[in-house]
Amino acid sequence: MISKKDILLVGTTQKPYGIKGEIIVRFRKMEYADVDTEYYFLEIEGIPVPFFVEEFTYSTDVTARVKFEDIDDETAAAQYVNRDVYLPRELLKSQAEPEVTDWDFFRGFTITDQYGRQVGVIEEVDDSTMNILFVVKNEEKEFLIPATEDFIEAIDEELSLIEMFLPDGLIEE
């Protein structure tokens, strides 16, 4: 079974298209729609489940009609509406290095501070304002940490770890 930290949210399913079981997928970025893949993961009851692609047809630069194997009519396709769509991080790494502005890449990474203490895991990236924030959770608390290169000391992609210099008072223990 694949872990959530091994996959990256790339889009959502929208609605069925036609009578052959195609589903509209809306990608978060054009680059995600361009990734050549044999399968996508859809989140079902909190578990990422692989769905193999039978046909892929672009609708716009960020949407496509996708026909998955074993989904052969609009009724079956309707069961998979409004689901998160994921790709393996490894596949995205091999396509191109992540852009500095692609902060979603770091979902699932663990943040440590300048003293080596584990702060928590990046659960979400809040990009609803000009200042992008990592939503970091540990067992007790949730923290909002600015996603800025000024705070990042080191990134270890193999260990899914980000070492950050966090100013005093930013995270209250």
N, C-alpha and C. Protein backbone atom coordinates (compact mmCIF):
# COMPACT_ATOMS: atom_id res chain seq x y z
N MET A 1 0.84 -1.18 0.00
CA MET A 1 0.00 0.00 0.00
C MET A 1 0.89 1.24 0.00
N ILE A 2 0.49 2.23 -0.77
CA ILE A 2 1.27 3.46 -0.87
C ILE A 2 0.88 4.41 0.25
N SER A 3 1.86 5.14 0.74
CA SER A 3 1.64 6.09 1.82
C SER A 3 1.27 7.45 1.25
N LYS A 4 0.52 8.24 2.03
CA LYS A 4 0.13 9.60 1.61
C LYS A 4 1.36 10.47 1.35
N LYS A 5 2.47 10.21 2.05
CA LYS A 5 3.65 11.05 1.84
C LYS A 5 4.36 10.73 0.52
N ASP A 6 3.98 9.61 -0.12
CA ASP A 6 4.60 9.22 -1.39
C ASP A 6 3.83 9.74 -2.60
N ILE A 7 2.71 10.42 -2.35
CA ILE A 7 1.89 10.92 -3.46
C ILE A 7 1.65 12.42 -3.30
N LEU A 8 1.29 13.06 -4.41
CA LEU A 8 1.04 14.50 -4.41
C LEU A 8 -0.32 14.78 -5.05
N LEU A 9 -1.11 15.62 -4.40
CA LEU A 9 -2.41 16.01 -4.93
C LEU A 9 -2.21 16.81 -6.21
N VAL A 10 -2.78 16.33 -7.32
CA VAL A 10 -2.61 17.02 -8.60
C VAL A 10 -3.93 17.53 -9.18
N GLY A 11 -5.07 17.11 -8.60
CA GLY A 11 -6.34 17.58 -9.13
C GLY A 11 -7.52 16.92 -8.44
N THR A 12 -8.70 17.10 -9.06
CA THR A 12 -9.92 16.48 -8.55
C THR A 12 -10.77 16.01 -9.72
N THR A 13 -11.56 14.98 -9.46
CA THR A 13 -12.52 14.56 -10.48
C THR A 13 -13.71 15.50 -10.41
N GLN A 14 -14.30 15.78 -11.56
CA GLN A 14 -15.40 16.74 -11.61
C GLN A 14 -16.74 16.06 -11.81
N LYS A 15 -16.98 15.54 -13.01
CA LYS A 15 -18.28 14.93 -13.30
C LYS A 15 -18.08 13.92 -14.44
N PRO A 16 -19.04 13.00 -14.58
CA PRO A 16 -18.96 12.06 -15.70
C PRO A 16 -19.13 12.81 -17.03
N TYR A 17 -18.56 12.23 -18.08
CA TYR A 17 -18.69 12.82 -19.42
C TYR A 17 -19.17 11.72 -20.35
N GLY A 18 -20.31 11.92 -20.96
CA GLY A 18 -20.83 10.95 -21.92
C GLY A 18 -21.31 9.68 -21.25
N ILE A 19 -21.50 8.64 -22.10
CA ILE A 19 -22.09 7.40 -21.60
C ILE A 19 -21.08 6.25 -21.51
N LYS A 20 -19.82 6.51 -21.83
CA LYS A 20 -18.82 5.43 -21.85
C LYS A 20 -17.98 5.36 -20.58
N GLY A 21 -18.31 6.18 -19.56
CA GLY A 21 -17.61 6.09 -18.29
C GLY A 21 -16.44 7.05 -18.14
N GLU A 22 -16.33 8.03 -19.04
CA GLU A 22 -15.26 9.03 -18.90
C GLU A 22 -15.59 9.96 -17.74
N ILE A 23 -14.54 10.50 -17.12
CA ILE A 23 -14.69 11.43 -16.01
C ILE A 23 -13.83 12.66 -16.32
N ILE A 24 -14.38 13.84 -16.04
CA ILE A 24 -13.61 15.07 -16.19
C ILE A 24 -12.68 15.21 -14.98
N VAL A 25 -11.39 15.40 -15.25
CA VAL A 25 -10.42 15.64 -14.19
C VAL A 25 -9.90 17.06 -14.34
N ARG A 26 -9.96 17.82 -13.26
CA ARG A 26 -9.43 19.19 -13.25
C ARG A 26 -8.11 19.17 -12.50
N PHE A 27 -7.04 19.53 -13.20
CA PHE A 27 -5.70 19.53 -12.62
C PHE A 27 -5.42 20.88 -11.98
N ARG A 28 -4.62 20.87 -10.92
CA ARG A 28 -4.28 22.10 -10.21
C ARG A 28 -3.33 22.97 -11.03
N LYS A 29 -2.52 22.35 -11.89
CA LYS A 29 -1.56 23.09 -12.72
C LYS A 29 -1.45 22.42 -14.07
N MET A 30 -1.11 23.19 -15.09
CA MET A 30 -0.93 22.65 -16.43
C MET A 30 0.11 21.53 -16.45
N GLU A 31 1.18 21.69 -15.67
CA GLU A 31 2.27 20.72 -15.67
C GLU A 31 1.77 19.34 -15.24
N TYR A 32 0.80 19.30 -14.32
CA TYR A 32 0.28 18.03 -13.85
C TYR A 32 -0.51 17.32 -14.94
N ALA A 33 -1.20 18.08 -15.77
CA ALA A 33 -1.97 17.49 -16.87
C ALA A 33 -1.03 16.90 -17.93
N ASP A 34 0.17 17.44 -18.04
CA ASP A 34 1.12 16.98 -19.05
C ASP A 34 1.92 15.74 -18.65
N VAL A 35 1.80 15.30 -17.41
CA VAL A 35 2.56 14.15 -16.94
C VAL A 35 2.05 12.89 -17.63
N ASP A 36 2.95 12.16 -18.25
CA ASP A 36 2.60 10.92 -18.94
C ASP A 36 2.57 9.79 -17.91
N THR A 37 1.38 9.28 -17.62
CA THR A 37 1.24 8.25 -16.59
C THR A 37 0.26 7.18 -17.03
N GLU A 38 0.44 5.99 -16.51
CA GLU A 38 -0.47 4.89 -16.80
C GLU A 38 -1.61 4.83 -15.79
N TYR A 39 -1.45 5.52 -14.67
CA TYR A 39 -2.47 5.46 -13.62
C TYR A 39 -2.45 6.72 -12.77
N TYR A 40 -3.57 6.94 -12.11
CA TYR A 40 -3.72 7.98 -11.10
C TYR A 40 -4.24 7.30 -9.84
N PHE A 41 -3.99 7.93 -8.69
CA PHE A 41 -4.59 7.47 -7.45
C PHE A 41 -5.80 8.35 -7.16
N LEU A 42 -6.92 7.72 -6.82
CA LEU A 42 -8.08 8.45 -6.33
C LEU A 42 -8.24 8.08 -4.86
N GLU A 43 -8.57 9.07 -4.05
CA GLU A 43 -8.74 8.81 -2.63
C GLU A 43 -10.14 8.28 -2.37
N ILE A 44 -10.19 7.07 -1.83
CA ILE A 44 -11.46 6.43 -1.52
C ILE A 44 -11.42 6.00 -0.06
N GLU A 45 -12.33 6.58 0.73
CA GLU A 45 -12.39 6.33 2.17
C GLU A 45 -11.03 6.55 2.83
N GLY A 46 -10.33 7.60 2.41
CA GLY A 46 -9.06 7.97 3.00
C GLY A 46 -7.87 7.17 2.51
N ILE A 47 -8.09 6.27 1.57
CA ILE A 47 -7.01 5.41 1.08
C ILE A 47 -6.77 5.71 -0.40
N PRO A 48 -5.50 5.93 -0.81
CA PRO A 48 -5.22 6.14 -2.23
C PRO A 48 -5.31 4.81 -3.00
N VAL A 49 -6.20 4.77 -3.99
CA VAL A 49 -6.43 3.56 -4.78
C VAL A 49 -6.03 3.84 -6.23
N PRO A 50 -5.18 2.97 -6.84
CA PRO A 50 -4.77 3.23 -8.22
C PRO A 50 -5.89 2.92 -9.22
N PHE A 51 -6.04 3.80 -10.20
CA PHE A 51 -6.97 3.61 -11.31
C PHE A 51 -6.16 3.74 -12.60
N PHE A 52 -6.21 2.71 -13.43
CA PHE A 52 -5.42 2.70 -14.66
C PHE A 52 -6.15 3.42 -15.79
N VAL A 53 -5.40 4.22 -16.54
CA VAL A 53 -5.95 5.06 -17.60
C VAL A 53 -6.08 4.25 -18.88
N GLU A 54 -7.30 4.26 -19.44
CA GLU A 54 -7.54 3.61 -20.72
C GLU A 54 -7.43 4.64 -21.85
N GLU A 55 -8.01 5.81 -21.63
CA GLU A 55 -7.95 6.91 -22.60
C GLU A 55 -7.81 8.23 -21.86
N PHE A 56 -7.11 9.18 -22.50
CA PHE A 56 -6.90 10.51 -21.92
C PHE A 56 -7.06 11.52 -23.05
N THR A 57 -8.02 12.45 -22.90
CA THR A 57 -8.27 13.46 -23.91
C THR A 57 -8.32 14.83 -23.26
N TYR A 58 -7.44 15.74 -23.72
CA TYR A 58 -7.44 17.10 -23.17
C TYR A 58 -8.74 17.81 -23.52
N SER A 59 -9.29 18.55 -22.55
CA SER A 59 -10.42 19.43 -22.80
C SER A 59 -9.92 20.87 -22.85
N THR A 60 -9.16 21.26 -21.82
CA THR A 60 -8.49 22.57 -21.78
C THR A 60 -7.07 22.29 -21.30
N ASP A 61 -6.31 23.34 -21.00
CA ASP A 61 -4.94 23.11 -20.53
C ASP A 61 -4.90 22.54 -19.11
N VAL A 62 -5.99 22.63 -18.34
CA VAL A 62 -6.00 22.07 -16.99
C VAL A 62 -7.12 21.06 -16.75
N THR A 63 -7.86 20.70 -17.78
CA THR A 63 -8.89 19.66 -17.65
C THR A 63 -8.73 18.63 -18.75
N ALA A 64 -9.16 17.41 -18.43
CA ALA A 64 -9.10 16.32 -19.40
C ALA A 64 -10.25 15.36 -19.12
N ARG A 65 -10.65 14.66 -20.19
CA ARG A 65 -11.59 13.55 -20.04
C ARG A 65 -10.74 12.30 -19.89
N VAL A 66 -10.95 11.59 -18.79
CA VAL A 66 -10.15 10.40 -18.52
C VAL A 66 -11.09 9.20 -18.45
N LYS A 67 -10.74 8.17 -19.20
CA LYS A 67 -11.47 6.90 -19.16
C LYS A 67 -10.60 5.92 -18.40
N PHE A 68 -11.06 5.49 -17.22
CA PHE A 68 -10.34 4.52 -16.41
C PHE A 68 -10.80 3.11 -16.76
N GLU A 69 -9.89 2.15 -16.63
CA GLU A 69 -10.24 0.75 -16.86
C GLU A 69 -11.35 0.34 -15.90
N ASP A 70 -12.26 -0.51 -16.38
CA ASP A 70 -13.35 -1.09 -15.59
C ASP A 70 -14.41 -0.08 -15.15
N ILE A 71 -14.38 1.13 -15.67
CA ILE A 71 -15.47 2.09 -15.45
C ILE A 71 -16.06 2.31 -16.84
N ASP A 72 -17.21 1.65 -17.09
CA ASP A 72 -17.70 1.56 -18.45
C ASP A 72 -19.01 2.27 -18.74
N ASP A 73 -19.58 2.97 -17.76
CA ASP A 73 -20.79 3.72 -18.04
C ASP A 73 -20.88 4.92 -17.08
N GLU A 74 -21.85 5.79 -17.36
CA GLU A 74 -21.96 7.02 -16.56
C GLU A 74 -22.35 6.75 -15.11
N THR A 75 -23.05 5.67 -14.83
CA THR A 75 -23.42 5.33 -13.46
C THR A 75 -22.18 4.95 -12.65
N ALA A 76 -21.33 4.14 -13.24
CA ALA A 76 -20.08 3.76 -12.56
C ALA A 76 -19.18 4.98 -12.38
N ALA A 77 -19.12 5.84 -13.40
CA ALA A 77 -18.28 7.04 -13.33
C ALA A 77 -18.77 7.99 -12.24
N ALA A 78 -20.09 8.06 -12.05
CA ALA A 78 -20.67 8.98 -11.07
C ALA A 78 -20.21 8.66 -9.64
N GLN A 79 -19.80 7.42 -9.38
CA GLN A 79 -19.33 7.03 -8.04
C GLN A 79 -17.99 7.68 -7.70
N TYR A 80 -17.29 8.19 -8.71
CA TYR A 80 -15.95 8.73 -8.50
C TYR A 80 -15.88 10.24 -8.71
N VAL A 81 -16.99 10.93 -8.57
CA VAL A 81 -17.06 12.38 -8.71
C VAL A 81 -16.58 13.04 -7.42
N ASN A 82 -15.92 14.18 -7.56
CA ASN A 82 -15.42 14.98 -6.43
C ASN A 82 -14.42 14.21 -5.56
N ARG A 83 -13.54 13.49 -6.20
CA ARG A 83 -12.47 12.76 -5.50
C ARG A 83 -11.14 13.46 -5.78
N ASP A 84 -10.26 13.44 -4.79
CA ASP A 84 -8.92 13.97 -5.00
C ASP A 84 -8.14 13.02 -5.89
N VAL A 85 -7.32 13.59 -6.79
CA VAL A 85 -6.52 12.82 -7.74
C VAL A 85 -5.05 13.06 -7.39
N TYR A 86 -4.29 11.96 -7.29
CA TYR A 86 -2.89 12.03 -6.88
C TYR A 86 -2.00 11.34 -7.91
N LEU A 87 -0.73 11.75 -7.92
CA LEU A 87 0.33 11.07 -8.67
C LEU A 87 1.47 10.76 -7.71
N PRO A 88 2.25 9.71 -7.99
CA PRO A 88 3.42 9.44 -7.16
C PRO A 88 4.44 10.58 -7.25
N ARG A 89 5.00 10.97 -6.13
CA ARG A 89 6.02 12.02 -6.11
C ARG A 89 7.20 11.66 -7.01
N GLU A 90 7.58 10.38 -7.01
CA GLU A 90 8.73 9.94 -7.81
C GLU A 90 8.51 10.24 -9.28
N LEU A 91 7.29 10.04 -9.75
CA LEU A 91 6.96 10.30 -11.15
C LEU A 91 7.10 11.78 -11.46
N LEU A 92 6.66 12.64 -10.54
CA LEU A 92 6.76 14.08 -10.75
C LEU A 92 8.22 14.54 -10.69
N LYS A 93 9.02 13.92 -9.83
CA LYS A 93 10.45 14.27 -9.74
C LYS A 93 11.16 13.94 -11.04
N SER A 94 10.82 12.80 -11.64
CA SER A 94 11.49 12.38 -12.86
C SER A 94 11.09 13.26 -14.05
N GLN A 95 9.91 13.87 -13.98
CA GLN A 95 9.46 14.74 -15.07
C GLN A 95 10.23 16.05 -15.09
N ALA A 96 10.38 16.65 -13.93
CA ALA A 96 11.09 17.93 -13.82
C ALA A 96 11.29 18.25 -12.35
N GLU A 97 12.28 19.03 -12.08
CA GLU A 97 12.50 19.47 -10.70
C GLU A 97 11.36 20.40 -10.31
N PRO A 98 10.90 20.32 -9.07
CA PRO A 98 9.79 21.19 -8.67
C PRO A 98 10.21 22.66 -8.71
N GLU A 99 9.27 23.48 -9.13
CA GLU A 99 9.55 24.91 -9.13
C GLU A 99 9.54 25.41 -7.69
N VAL A 100 10.23 26.49 -7.45
CA VAL A 100 10.26 27.06 -6.11
C VAL A 100 8.84 27.42 -5.66
N THR A 101 8.00 27.84 -6.60
CA THR A 101 6.65 28.26 -6.25
C THR A 101 5.68 27.10 -6.09
N ASP A 102 6.11 25.87 -6.37
CA ASP A 102 5.23 24.71 -6.25
C ASP A 102 5.31 24.15 -4.84
N TRP A 103 4.77 24.88 -3.89
CA TRP A 103 4.88 24.53 -2.48
C TRP A 103 4.11 23.26 -2.15
N ASP A 104 3.10 22.88 -2.96
CA ASP A 104 2.34 21.66 -2.71
C ASP A 104 3.23 20.43 -2.73
N PHE A 105 4.34 20.51 -3.42
CA PHE A 105 5.28 19.39 -3.48
C PHE A 105 5.70 18.94 -2.09
N PHE A 106 5.69 19.86 -1.13
CA PHE A 106 6.21 19.56 0.20
C PHE A 106 5.17 19.01 1.17
N ARG A 107 3.94 18.76 0.70
CA ARG A 107 2.94 18.11 1.57
C ARG A 107 3.50 16.77 2.01
N GLY A 108 3.34 16.47 3.29
CA GLY A 108 3.83 15.21 3.82
C GLY A 108 5.25 15.28 4.35
N PHE A 109 5.96 16.37 4.08
CA PHE A 109 7.32 16.54 4.59
C PHE A 109 7.27 16.88 6.08
N THR A 110 8.27 16.43 6.81
CA THR A 110 8.40 16.76 8.23
C THR A 110 9.27 18.00 8.37
N ILE A 111 8.86 18.91 9.24
CA ILE A 111 9.64 20.12 9.49
C ILE A 111 10.37 19.98 10.82
N THR A 112 11.67 20.30 10.80
CA THR A 112 12.44 20.40 12.04
C THR A 112 12.93 21.84 12.16
N ASP A 113 13.15 22.29 13.40
CA ASP A 113 13.65 23.65 13.59
C ASP A 113 15.18 23.65 13.65
N GLN A 114 15.74 24.83 13.87
CA GLN A 114 17.19 25.01 13.87
C GLN A 114 17.88 24.25 15.01
N TYR A 115 17.11 23.79 15.99
CA TYR A 115 17.67 23.04 17.11
C TYR A 115 17.52 21.54 16.93
N GLY A 116 17.00 21.12 15.77
CA GLY A 116 16.82 19.70 15.49
C GLY A 116 15.54 19.11 16.05
N ARG A 117 14.68 19.95 16.62
CA ARG A 117 13.41 19.46 17.16
C ARG A 117 12.39 19.30 16.04
N GLN A 118 11.63 18.22 16.10
CA GLN A 118 10.59 17.98 15.11
C GLN A 118 9.38 18.85 15.44
N VAL A 119 8.97 19.68 14.48
CA VAL A 119 7.83 20.58 14.67
C VAL A 119 6.53 19.87 14.30
N GLY A 120 6.53 19.14 13.17
CA GLY A 120 5.34 18.43 12.71
C GLY A 120 5.44 18.12 11.23
N VAL A 121 4.31 17.69 10.68
CA VAL A 121 4.23 17.30 9.27
C VAL A 121 3.35 18.30 8.52
N ILE A 122 3.78 18.67 7.32
CA ILE A 122 3.00 19.60 6.48
C ILE A 122 1.78 18.84 5.97
N GLU A 123 0.60 19.23 6.47
CA GLU A 123 -0.65 18.58 6.07
C GLU A 123 -1.28 19.28 4.87
N GLU A 124 -1.11 20.60 4.80
CA GLU A 124 -1.72 21.39 3.73
C GLU A 124 -0.81 22.56 3.40
N VAL A 125 -1.08 23.17 2.25
CA VAL A 125 -0.42 24.41 1.87
C VAL A 125 -1.54 25.42 1.63
N ASP A 126 -1.55 26.49 2.42
CA ASP A 126 -2.58 27.52 2.29
C ASP A 126 -2.04 28.61 1.37
N ASP A 127 -2.56 28.61 0.15
CA ASP A 127 -2.12 29.62 -0.82
C ASP A 127 -3.26 30.57 -1.16
N SER A 128 -4.19 30.74 -0.21
CA SER A 128 -5.34 31.61 -0.45
C SER A 128 -4.99 33.09 -0.34
N THR A 129 -3.83 33.40 0.23
CA THR A 129 -3.39 34.79 0.32
C THR A 129 -2.02 34.92 -0.36
N MET A 130 -1.52 36.13 -0.40
CA MET A 130 -0.22 36.37 -1.02
C MET A 130 0.91 35.67 -0.25
N ASN A 131 0.75 35.55 1.08
CA ASN A 131 1.75 34.87 1.90
C ASN A 131 1.35 33.41 2.04
N ILE A 132 2.08 32.54 1.38
CA ILE A 132 1.78 31.12 1.39
C ILE A 132 2.23 30.54 2.73
N LEU A 133 1.37 29.68 3.31
CA LEU A 133 1.65 29.10 4.63
C LEU A 133 1.63 27.58 4.56
N PHE A 134 2.57 26.96 5.31
CA PHE A 134 2.50 25.53 5.55
C PHE A 134 1.57 25.33 6.74
N VAL A 135 0.60 24.43 6.62
CA VAL A 135 -0.23 24.05 7.75
C VAL A 135 0.43 22.79 8.31
N VAL A 136 1.09 22.94 9.47
CA VAL A 136 1.90 21.88 10.06
C VAL A 136 1.20 21.35 11.29
N LYS A 137 1.08 20.02 11.37
CA LYS A 137 0.40 19.41 12.51
C LYS A 137 1.32 18.41 13.19
N ASN A 138 1.23 18.40 14.51
CA ASN A 138 1.84 17.33 15.29
C ASN A 138 0.75 16.76 16.18
N GLU A 139 1.09 15.91 17.14
CA GLU A 139 0.06 15.26 17.94
C GLU A 139 -0.80 16.25 18.73
N GLU A 140 -0.21 17.36 19.19
CA GLU A 140 -0.94 18.27 20.05
C GLU A 140 -1.50 19.50 19.34
N LYS A 141 -0.77 20.04 18.38
CA LYS A 141 -1.12 21.36 17.84
C LYS A 141 -1.04 21.43 16.33
N GLU A 142 -1.57 22.55 15.84
CA GLU A 142 -1.45 22.90 14.42
C GLU A 142 -0.75 24.25 14.36
N PHE A 143 0.22 24.38 13.46
CA PHE A 143 0.97 25.61 13.31
C PHE A 143 0.83 26.13 11.88
N LEU A 144 0.86 27.43 11.72
CA LEU A 144 0.93 28.06 10.41
C LEU A 144 2.33 28.65 10.28
N ILE A 145 3.10 28.12 9.35
CA ILE A 145 4.48 28.55 9.17
C ILE A 145 4.64 29.11 7.76
N PRO A 146 5.14 30.34 7.64
CA PRO A 146 5.32 30.92 6.30
C PRO A 146 6.22 30.03 5.43
N ALA A 147 5.74 29.76 4.22
CA ALA A 147 6.51 28.98 3.26
C ALA A 147 7.39 29.96 2.49
N THR A 148 8.54 30.23 3.07
CA THR A 148 9.44 31.20 2.46
C THR A 148 10.85 30.64 2.45
N GLU A 149 11.56 30.93 1.40
CA GLU A 149 12.94 30.46 1.29
C GLU A 149 13.82 31.07 2.38
N ASP A 150 13.41 32.21 2.93
CA ASP A 150 14.19 32.85 3.99
C ASP A 150 14.29 31.97 5.24
N PHE A 151 13.27 31.13 5.49
CA PHE A 151 13.27 30.28 6.68
C PHE A 151 13.87 28.89 6.42
N ILE A 152 13.93 28.48 5.16
CA ILE A 152 14.37 27.11 4.84
C ILE A 152 15.89 27.04 4.82
N GLU A 153 16.42 26.17 5.68
CA GLU A 153 17.87 25.96 5.77
C GLU A 153 18.32 24.82 4.85
N ALA A 154 17.55 23.71 4.85
CA ALA A 154 17.92 22.54 4.05
C ALA A 154 16.67 21.72 3.75
N ILE A 155 16.71 21.03 2.60
CA ILE A 155 15.62 20.14 2.20
C ILE A 155 16.23 18.79 1.85
N ASP A 156 15.71 17.74 2.47
CA ASP A 156 16.15 16.38 2.16
C ASP A 156 14.95 15.65 1.57
N GLU A 157 14.91 15.55 0.22
CA GLU A 157 13.77 14.92 -0.44
C GLU A 157 13.69 13.44 -0.14
N GLU A 158 14.84 12.77 0.00
CA GLU A 158 14.84 11.33 0.27
C GLU A 158 14.17 11.02 1.61
N LEU A 159 14.42 11.85 2.62
CA LEU A 159 13.83 11.64 3.94
C LEU A 159 12.54 12.43 4.14
N SER A 160 12.12 13.19 3.11
CA SER A 160 10.94 14.06 3.20
C SER A 160 11.04 14.97 4.42
N LEU A 161 12.15 15.71 4.49
CA LEU A 161 12.47 16.52 5.65
C LEU A 161 12.86 17.94 5.23
N ILE A 162 12.35 18.93 5.95
CA ILE A 162 12.75 20.32 5.74
C ILE A 162 13.26 20.87 7.06
N GLU A 163 14.49 21.37 7.04
CA GLU A 163 15.04 22.02 8.22
C GLU A 163 14.82 23.52 8.04
N MET A 164 14.18 24.13 9.04
CA MET A 164 13.85 25.55 8.94
C MET A 164 14.42 26.32 10.12
N PHE A 165 14.78 27.57 9.87
CA PHE A 165 15.16 28.49 10.94
C PHE A 165 13.89 29.25 11.28
N LEU A 166 13.33 28.96 12.44
CA LEU A 166 12.05 29.55 12.84
C LEU A 166 12.29 30.61 13.91
N PRO A 167 11.92 31.85 13.63
CA PRO A 167 12.10 32.93 14.60
C PRO A 167 11.41 32.62 15.94
N ASP A 168 11.98 33.08 17.02
CA ASP A 168 11.39 32.90 18.34
C ASP A 168 9.96 33.42 18.36
N GLY A 169 9.07 32.66 18.97
CA GLY A 169 7.68 33.07 19.09
C GLY A 169 6.80 32.62 17.94
N LEU A 170 7.38 32.13 16.84
CA LEU A 170 6.56 31.71 15.70
C LEU A 170 5.74 30.47 16.05
N ILE A 171 6.38 29.55 16.74
CA ILE A 171 5.65 28.36 17.21
C ILE A 171 5.78 28.33 18.73
N GLU A 172 4.67 28.39 19.38
CA GLU A 172 4.68 28.38 20.84
C GLU A 172 4.54 26.95 21.31
N GLU A 173 5.41 26.51 22.14
CA GLU A 173 5.38 25.15 22.67
C GLU A 173 4.38 25.04 23.79
